[in-house]
N, C-alpha and C. Protein backbone atom coordinates (compact mmCIF):
# COMPACT_ATOMS: atom_id res chain seq x y z
N UNK A 1 -11.42 -17.28 46.01
CA UNK A 1 -10.84 -16.30 44.97
C UNK A 1 -10.55 -16.62 43.65
N UNK A 2 -10.31 -18.16 43.80
CA UNK A 2 -9.66 -18.94 42.64
C UNK A 2 -10.88 -18.98 41.65
N UNK A 3 -11.92 -19.20 42.23
CA UNK A 3 -13.04 -19.56 41.32
C UNK A 3 -13.64 -18.15 40.57
N UNK A 4 -13.36 -17.00 41.12
CA UNK A 4 -13.64 -15.98 40.31
C UNK A 4 -12.47 -15.76 39.26
N UNK A 5 -11.36 -15.80 39.74
CA UNK A 5 -10.26 -15.76 38.95
C UNK A 5 -10.58 -16.72 37.60
N UNK A 6 -11.07 -17.86 37.79
CA UNK A 6 -11.42 -18.55 36.71
C UNK A 6 -12.43 -18.21 35.70
N UNK A 7 -13.33 -17.70 36.68
CA UNK A 7 -14.44 -17.05 35.37
C UNK A 7 -14.03 -15.83 34.62
N UNK A 8 -13.07 -14.98 35.54
CA UNK A 8 -12.63 -13.91 34.60
C UNK A 8 -11.98 -14.24 33.33
N UNK A 9 -10.89 -15.31 33.64
CA UNK A 9 -9.90 -15.05 32.85
C UNK A 9 -10.61 -15.87 31.50
N UNK A 10 -11.74 -16.56 31.26
CA UNK A 10 -12.26 -16.76 29.77
C UNK A 10 -12.84 -15.43 29.25
N UNK A 11 -13.61 -14.89 30.18
CA UNK A 11 -14.49 -13.50 29.61
C UNK A 11 -13.42 -12.62 29.40
N UNK A 12 -12.34 -12.43 29.53
CA UNK A 12 -11.33 -11.37 29.26
C UNK A 12 -10.92 -10.99 27.93
N UNK A 13 -10.93 -12.01 27.34
CA UNK A 13 -10.87 -12.31 25.58
C UNK A 13 -12.07 -11.39 25.21
N UNK A 14 -13.16 -11.49 25.53
CA UNK A 14 -14.33 -11.08 25.14
C UNK A 14 -14.42 -9.60 25.59
N UNK A 15 -14.22 -9.22 26.62
CA UNK A 15 -14.41 -7.88 26.96
C UNK A 15 -12.90 -7.18 26.31
N UNK A 16 -11.83 -7.64 26.17
CA UNK A 16 -10.98 -6.91 25.51
C UNK A 16 -11.16 -6.62 23.73
N UNK A 17 -11.84 -7.81 23.60
CA UNK A 17 -12.10 -7.70 21.89
C UNK A 17 -12.87 -6.74 21.34
N UNK A 18 -14.06 -6.67 22.68
CA UNK A 18 -15.08 -5.43 22.32
C UNK A 18 -14.68 -4.31 22.43
N UNK A 19 -13.77 -3.91 23.39
CA UNK A 19 -12.70 -2.45 23.60
C UNK A 19 -12.02 -2.38 22.39
N UNK A 20 -11.28 -3.64 21.92
CA UNK A 20 -10.38 -3.16 20.77
C UNK A 20 -11.08 -2.43 19.83
N UNK A 21 -12.44 -3.60 19.13
CA UNK A 21 -13.27 -2.83 18.18
C UNK A 21 -14.04 -1.30 18.50
N UNK A 22 -14.27 -1.02 19.75
CA UNK A 22 -15.01 0.13 19.71
C UNK A 22 -13.66 1.40 19.86
N UNK A 23 -12.77 1.10 20.47
CA UNK A 23 -11.80 2.15 20.95
C UNK A 23 -10.30 1.75 20.36
N UNK A 24 -9.77 0.92 19.60
CA UNK A 24 -8.86 0.66 18.84
C UNK A 24 -8.28 1.20 17.66
N UNK A 25 -7.28 1.09 16.97
CA UNK A 25 -7.22 1.31 15.67
C UNK A 25 -7.72 0.02 14.97
N UNK A 26 -8.64 0.56 13.62
CA UNK A 26 -9.05 -0.56 12.61
C UNK A 26 -8.19 -0.36 11.61
N UNK A 27 -8.46 -1.19 10.74
CA UNK A 27 -7.34 -1.58 9.44
C UNK A 27 -7.92 -0.35 8.72
N UNK A 28 -7.07 0.08 7.78
CA UNK A 28 -7.23 1.05 6.85
C UNK A 28 -8.08 0.97 5.51
N UNK A 29 -8.40 1.92 5.05
CA UNK A 29 -9.30 1.60 3.91
C UNK A 29 -8.71 2.68 2.64
N UNK A 30 -9.44 2.12 1.69
CA UNK A 30 -8.84 3.14 0.29
C UNK A 30 -9.71 4.42 0.91
N UNK A 31 -9.30 5.64 0.39
CA UNK A 31 -9.98 6.79 0.91
C UNK A 31 -10.97 7.15 -0.02
N UNK A 32 -12.20 8.08 0.41
CA UNK A 32 -13.60 8.46 -0.27
C UNK A 32 -13.08 9.58 -0.73
N UNK A 33 -13.04 9.78 -2.07
CA UNK A 33 -12.85 11.20 -2.92
C UNK A 33 -14.20 11.20 -3.59
N UNK A 34 -14.28 12.49 -4.14
CA UNK A 34 -15.62 13.05 -4.69
C UNK A 34 -15.04 13.37 -6.50
N UNK A 35 -15.47 12.92 -7.19
CA UNK A 35 -15.40 13.66 -8.49
C UNK A 35 -16.29 14.99 -8.76
N UNK A 36 -17.06 15.07 -8.23
CA UNK A 36 -17.79 16.61 -8.41
C UNK A 36 -17.36 17.60 -7.77
N UNK A 37 -17.58 18.85 -8.37
CA UNK A 37 -16.78 20.41 -7.55
C UNK A 37 -16.99 20.18 -6.45
N UNK A 38 -16.24 19.97 -5.46
CA UNK A 38 -16.67 20.09 -4.00
C UNK A 38 -15.48 21.25 -3.54
N UNK A 39 -15.88 21.42 -2.08
CA UNK A 39 -15.06 22.54 -1.52
C UNK A 39 -14.52 22.17 -0.22
N UNK A 40 -13.05 21.81 0.20
CA UNK A 40 -12.04 21.82 -0.99
C UNK A 40 -12.12 20.71 -2.39
N UNK A 41 -11.75 20.84 -3.27
CA UNK A 41 -11.74 19.53 -4.29
C UNK A 41 -11.18 18.71 -3.93
N UNK A 42 -11.35 17.43 -4.40
CA UNK A 42 -10.68 16.23 -4.10
C UNK A 42 -9.26 16.10 -4.57
N UNK A 43 -8.84 16.73 -5.64
CA UNK A 43 -7.62 16.78 -6.14
C UNK A 43 -7.29 18.60 -6.60
N UNK A 44 -6.13 18.50 -5.61
CA UNK A 44 -5.49 20.04 -6.01
C UNK A 44 -4.17 20.11 -6.15
N UNK A 45 -3.95 20.57 -7.32
CA UNK A 45 -2.32 21.00 -7.79
C UNK A 45 -2.11 22.02 -8.65
N UNK A 46 -1.10 22.40 -8.92
CA UNK A 46 -0.96 23.96 -9.89
C UNK A 46 -1.30 23.35 -11.03
N UNK A 47 -1.68 24.29 -11.79
CA UNK A 47 -1.96 24.37 -13.41
C UNK A 47 -0.69 24.00 -14.11
N UNK A 48 0.24 25.07 -13.82
CA UNK A 48 1.58 24.83 -14.56
C UNK A 48 2.78 24.68 -13.48
N UNK A 49 3.74 24.02 -13.68
CA UNK A 49 4.98 23.85 -12.87
C UNK A 49 6.35 23.50 -14.23
N UNK A 50 7.29 23.89 -13.21
CA UNK A 50 8.38 24.11 -13.89
C UNK A 50 9.29 22.52 -13.98
N UNK A 51 9.96 21.99 -15.01
CA UNK A 51 10.25 20.72 -15.40
C UNK A 51 11.26 20.48 -13.90
N UNK A 52 11.24 19.32 -13.33
CA UNK A 52 12.18 18.82 -12.40
C UNK A 52 12.29 19.63 -11.16
N UNK A 53 10.91 20.53 -11.10
CA UNK A 53 10.94 21.62 -9.81
C UNK A 53 9.55 20.74 -9.09
N UNK A 54 9.73 20.22 -7.71
CA UNK A 54 8.87 19.82 -6.81
C UNK A 54 7.65 20.70 -6.35
N UNK A 55 6.90 20.36 -6.51
CA UNK A 55 5.24 20.84 -6.19
C UNK A 55 4.50 19.99 -5.37
N UNK A 56 3.54 20.56 -4.63
CA UNK A 56 2.53 19.92 -3.67
C UNK A 56 1.26 19.50 -4.57
N UNK A 57 0.91 18.14 -4.10
CA UNK A 57 -0.34 17.67 -4.85
C UNK A 57 -1.15 17.41 -3.45
N UNK A 58 -2.19 17.98 -3.32
CA UNK A 58 -3.37 17.28 -2.34
C UNK A 58 -4.34 16.45 -2.78
N UNK A 59 -4.57 15.26 -2.15
CA UNK A 59 -5.78 14.40 -2.38
C UNK A 59 -6.45 14.54 -1.09
N UNK A 60 -7.49 15.21 -1.24
CA UNK A 60 -8.60 15.24 0.07
C UNK A 60 -9.66 14.23 0.15
N UNK A 61 -9.49 13.31 1.25
CA UNK A 61 -10.49 12.39 1.24
C UNK A 61 -11.65 12.82 2.41
N UNK A 62 -12.86 12.11 2.33
CA UNK A 62 -13.66 12.16 3.24
C UNK A 62 -14.10 11.17 4.25
N UNK A 63 -13.53 11.46 5.64
CA UNK A 63 -13.95 10.50 6.64
C UNK A 63 -15.68 10.92 7.06
N UNK A 64 -16.15 9.53 7.36
CA UNK A 64 -17.46 9.46 7.48
C UNK A 64 -18.13 10.02 8.92
N UNK A 65 -17.05 9.97 9.97
CA UNK A 65 -17.15 10.80 11.08
C UNK A 65 -15.92 10.89 11.80
N UNK A 66 -15.92 11.87 12.73
CA UNK A 66 -14.65 12.28 13.27
C UNK A 66 -13.65 11.59 13.83
N UNK A 67 -13.93 9.77 13.91
CA UNK A 67 -12.87 9.11 14.02
C UNK A 67 -12.08 8.79 12.90
N UNK A 68 -12.29 9.18 11.74
CA UNK A 68 -11.49 8.93 10.77
C UNK A 68 -10.13 10.11 10.71
N UNK A 69 -9.02 9.01 10.12
CA UNK A 69 -8.03 9.90 10.07
C UNK A 69 -7.03 9.36 9.05
N UNK A 70 -6.21 10.36 8.12
CA UNK A 70 -5.24 9.69 7.33
C UNK A 70 -4.41 8.69 7.79
N UNK A 71 -4.12 7.90 7.18
CA UNK A 71 -3.16 6.49 7.46
C UNK A 71 -1.78 6.46 6.58
N UNK A 72 -2.08 6.60 5.34
CA UNK A 72 -0.75 6.51 3.96
C UNK A 72 -1.23 7.12 2.87
N UNK A 73 -0.25 7.59 2.26
CA UNK A 73 -0.49 7.88 0.73
C UNK A 73 0.42 7.47 -0.18
N UNK A 74 0.00 6.39 -0.71
CA UNK A 74 0.66 5.83 -1.84
C UNK A 74 0.84 6.84 -3.17
N UNK A 75 2.32 6.81 -3.88
CA UNK A 75 2.56 7.43 -4.97
C UNK A 75 3.50 6.60 -6.01
N UNK A 76 2.80 5.95 -7.20
CA UNK A 76 3.06 5.62 -8.20
C UNK A 76 3.66 6.63 -9.48
N UNK A 77 4.75 6.71 -9.47
CA UNK A 77 5.30 7.66 -10.53
C UNK A 77 5.80 6.78 -12.09
N UNK A 78 5.09 7.30 -13.42
CA UNK A 78 5.48 6.73 -14.54
C UNK A 78 6.01 7.84 -15.43
N UNK A 79 6.93 8.40 -15.50
CA UNK A 79 7.18 9.35 -16.32
C UNK A 79 6.31 10.84 -16.23
N UNK A 80 5.38 11.00 -16.89
CA UNK A 80 4.44 12.43 -17.04
C UNK A 80 3.34 11.93 -16.44
N UNK A 81 3.38 10.96 -15.66
CA UNK A 81 1.84 10.48 -14.76
C UNK A 81 2.36 10.14 -13.59
N UNK A 82 1.24 10.69 -12.38
CA UNK A 82 1.42 10.15 -11.42
C UNK A 82 0.26 9.90 -10.65
N UNK A 83 0.18 8.73 -10.06
CA UNK A 83 -1.01 8.17 -9.27
C UNK A 83 -0.78 8.23 -7.90
N UNK A 84 -1.83 8.90 -7.15
CA UNK A 84 -1.83 9.26 -5.68
C UNK A 84 -3.02 8.36 -5.09
N UNK A 85 -2.69 7.49 -4.27
CA UNK A 85 -3.66 6.85 -3.66
C UNK A 85 -3.87 6.72 -2.42
N UNK A 86 -5.06 7.62 -1.40
CA UNK A 86 -4.80 7.79 -0.14
C UNK A 86 -5.40 6.83 0.71
N UNK A 87 -4.83 6.40 1.70
CA UNK A 87 -5.73 5.40 2.58
C UNK A 87 -6.01 6.04 3.99
N UNK A 88 -7.31 5.97 4.65
CA UNK A 88 -7.62 6.23 5.73
C UNK A 88 -7.74 5.34 6.62
N UNK A 89 -8.25 5.56 8.12
CA UNK A 89 -8.54 4.39 9.09
C UNK A 89 -9.47 5.22 10.20
N UNK A 90 -9.55 4.26 10.56
CA UNK A 90 -10.70 5.02 12.00
C UNK A 90 -9.82 4.53 13.09
N UNK A 91 -9.87 5.60 13.97
CA UNK A 91 -9.18 5.53 15.24
C UNK A 91 -10.34 5.83 16.75
N UNK A 92 -10.24 4.66 17.15
CA UNK A 92 -11.57 4.72 18.09
C UNK A 92 -11.27 6.04 19.30
N UNK A 93 -12.48 6.07 19.93
CA UNK A 93 -13.01 6.92 20.96
C UNK A 93 -14.15 7.42 20.61
N UNK A 94 -14.47 8.48 21.32
CA UNK A 94 -15.75 9.29 21.03
C UNK A 94 -15.76 10.18 19.94
N UNK A 95 -16.62 9.69 19.13
CA UNK A 95 -16.59 10.13 17.41
C UNK A 95 -17.85 11.43 17.28
N UNK A 96 -17.67 12.34 16.78
CA UNK A 96 -18.48 12.90 16.19
C UNK A 96 -19.10 12.30 14.71
N UNK A 97 -20.30 13.14 14.68
CA UNK A 97 -20.96 12.24 13.34
C UNK A 97 -20.82 12.93 12.17
N UNK A 98 -19.80 14.17 12.35
CA UNK A 98 -19.83 15.14 10.98
C UNK A 98 -18.71 14.36 10.15
N UNK A 99 -18.90 14.61 9.03
CA UNK A 99 -18.06 14.34 7.99
C UNK A 99 -16.71 15.05 8.22
N UNK A 100 -15.55 14.64 8.01
CA UNK A 100 -14.33 15.19 8.42
C UNK A 100 -13.74 15.15 6.86
N UNK A 101 -12.68 16.34 6.43
CA UNK A 101 -11.68 16.21 5.45
C UNK A 101 -10.70 15.84 6.03
N UNK A 102 -9.86 14.92 5.16
CA UNK A 102 -8.66 14.34 5.33
C UNK A 102 -7.36 14.76 4.46
N UNK A 103 -6.46 15.75 4.58
CA UNK A 103 -5.50 15.82 3.36
C UNK A 103 -4.47 15.04 3.35
N UNK A 104 -4.49 14.58 2.18
CA UNK A 104 -3.30 13.87 1.84
C UNK A 104 -2.46 14.58 1.02
N UNK A 105 -1.07 14.92 1.38
CA UNK A 105 -0.25 15.82 0.42
C UNK A 105 1.07 15.49 0.22
N UNK A 106 1.33 15.48 -0.86
CA UNK A 106 3.03 14.79 -1.01
C UNK A 106 3.61 15.47 -2.20
N UNK A 107 4.58 15.44 -2.29
CA UNK A 107 5.51 16.27 -3.23
C UNK A 107 5.95 15.46 -4.49
N UNK A 108 5.75 16.02 -5.85
CA UNK A 108 5.86 15.36 -6.94
C UNK A 108 6.74 16.33 -7.91
N UNK A 109 7.18 15.87 -9.13
CA UNK A 109 7.73 16.59 -10.00
C UNK A 109 7.88 15.92 -11.26
N UNK A 110 7.90 16.66 -12.41
CA UNK A 110 8.14 15.69 -13.64
C UNK A 110 9.20 16.39 -14.39
N UNK A 111 9.94 15.31 -15.12
CA UNK A 111 11.09 15.59 -15.78
C UNK A 111 11.23 16.11 -17.22
N UNK A 112 9.90 16.03 -17.71
CA UNK A 112 9.65 16.52 -19.36
C UNK A 112 9.00 18.01 -19.57
N UNK A 113 9.08 18.59 -20.27
CA UNK A 113 8.35 19.92 -20.83
C UNK A 113 7.31 19.19 -21.42
N UNK A 114 6.19 19.36 -21.44
CA UNK A 114 4.97 19.25 -21.93
C UNK A 114 3.65 19.28 -21.05
N UNK A 115 2.81 18.25 -21.13
CA UNK A 115 1.84 18.00 -20.33
C UNK A 115 2.04 16.49 -19.74
N UNK A 116 1.45 16.95 -18.30
CA UNK A 116 1.67 15.65 -17.32
C UNK A 116 0.17 15.51 -16.94
N UNK A 117 0.00 14.31 -16.25
CA UNK A 117 -1.14 13.99 -15.52
C UNK A 117 -0.97 13.39 -14.16
N UNK A 118 -2.05 13.91 -13.48
CA UNK A 118 -1.83 13.74 -12.03
C UNK A 118 -3.29 12.69 -11.73
N UNK A 119 -3.13 11.85 -11.10
CA UNK A 119 -4.53 10.83 -11.24
C UNK A 119 -4.45 10.37 -9.47
N UNK A 120 -6.05 10.70 -8.72
CA UNK A 120 -6.13 10.34 -7.18
C UNK A 120 -7.22 9.42 -7.53
N UNK A 121 -6.74 8.15 -7.06
CA UNK A 121 -7.35 6.88 -6.84
C UNK A 121 -8.11 6.66 -5.47
N UNK A 122 -9.19 6.59 -5.61
CA UNK A 122 -10.09 6.40 -4.65
C UNK A 122 -11.26 5.71 -4.47
N UNK A 123 -12.30 5.85 -3.50
CA UNK A 123 -13.68 5.24 -3.68
C UNK A 123 -14.68 6.62 -3.80
N UNK A 124 -15.56 6.14 -4.34
CA UNK A 124 -16.43 7.39 -4.67
C UNK A 124 -17.51 7.54 -3.24
N UNK A 125 -17.68 8.83 -2.96
CA UNK A 125 -18.31 9.24 -1.85
C UNK A 125 -19.60 8.86 -1.94
N UNK A 126 -20.41 8.55 -3.10
CA UNK A 126 -21.99 8.09 -2.84
C UNK A 126 -22.14 6.74 -2.67
N UNK A 127 -23.23 6.46 -2.67
CA UNK A 127 -23.55 5.19 -1.96
C UNK A 127 -23.03 3.63 -2.85
N UNK A 128 -22.59 3.92 -3.45
CA UNK A 128 -21.94 2.96 -4.64
C UNK A 128 -20.49 2.65 -4.01
N UNK A 129 -19.39 3.55 -3.15
CA UNK A 129 -18.49 3.21 -2.92
C UNK A 129 -17.52 2.52 -3.87
N UNK A 130 -17.71 2.63 -5.27
CA UNK A 130 -16.85 2.14 -6.35
C UNK A 130 -15.49 3.04 -6.23
N UNK A 131 -14.63 2.17 -6.81
CA UNK A 131 -13.23 2.74 -7.16
C UNK A 131 -13.12 3.50 -8.10
N UNK A 132 -13.02 4.93 -8.25
CA UNK A 132 -12.82 5.72 -9.28
C UNK A 132 -11.41 6.48 -9.35
N UNK A 133 -11.23 7.20 -10.57
CA UNK A 133 -9.95 8.10 -10.48
C UNK A 133 -10.63 9.44 -10.57
N UNK A 134 -9.79 10.22 -10.47
CA UNK A 134 -9.91 12.02 -10.85
C UNK A 134 -8.65 12.33 -11.49
N UNK A 135 -8.68 12.86 -12.31
CA UNK A 135 -7.50 12.98 -13.67
C UNK A 135 -7.31 14.68 -13.32
N UNK A 136 -6.03 15.00 -13.57
CA UNK A 136 -5.73 16.38 -13.90
C UNK A 136 -4.70 16.49 -14.52
N UNK A 137 -5.36 17.35 -15.71
CA UNK A 137 -3.53 17.48 -16.52
C UNK A 137 -2.91 18.85 -16.42
N UNK A 138 -1.62 18.47 -16.14
CA UNK A 138 -0.85 20.23 -16.00
C UNK A 138 0.28 20.66 -17.10
N UNK A 139 0.50 21.57 -16.87
CA UNK A 139 1.41 21.46 -18.22
C UNK A 139 2.98 21.96 -17.22
N UNK A 140 3.79 21.36 -17.65
CA UNK A 140 5.26 21.38 -17.32
C UNK A 140 6.21 22.44 -18.61
N UNK A 141 6.67 23.30 -18.08
CA UNK A 141 7.62 24.26 -18.85
C UNK A 141 8.91 24.35 -18.15
N UNK A 142 9.96 24.74 -19.26
CA UNK A 142 11.27 24.71 -18.69
C UNK A 142 11.28 25.44 -17.40
N UNK A 143 12.26 25.01 -16.77
CA UNK A 143 12.84 25.16 -15.24
C UNK A 143 13.56 26.78 -15.64
N UNK A 144 13.28 27.63 -14.93
CA UNK A 144 13.58 28.97 -14.91
C UNK A 144 15.01 28.93 -13.71
N UNK A 145 16.28 28.92 -13.77
CA UNK A 145 17.12 29.19 -12.82
C UNK A 145 17.58 30.34 -12.86
N UNK A 146 17.60 31.22 -11.56
CA UNK A 146 17.86 32.75 -11.42
C UNK A 146 19.68 32.81 -11.62
């Protein structure tokens, strides 16, 4: 019995490593976004918002298989500019080969009346996988209080 135990002990890390890569949680990756007109679009936000009034912005990424899921959404604010960077990850298990849409939603607001810019930063869905930015300019109007 000790001979069998000795044989299994060195092999166990290899078996566990194989299971970990096939069924465990892999590291996160910069989300895949599309600069072309897609349905749903990669960046959705209202065209007009009230100053200092929070609203929802959604960046939709494309997971390459059914095992992709949203991981984290990083938001960087700079006065009248907000950059949203989505990260996705692969969760193991039995996966479909279908591309999945992953919504990364966050609430933002702009303090000043005028125009503001929302930027979605991700990777292109084409074969290049290059980092790209998608921008949307919105109009910020005075907030109306009842």
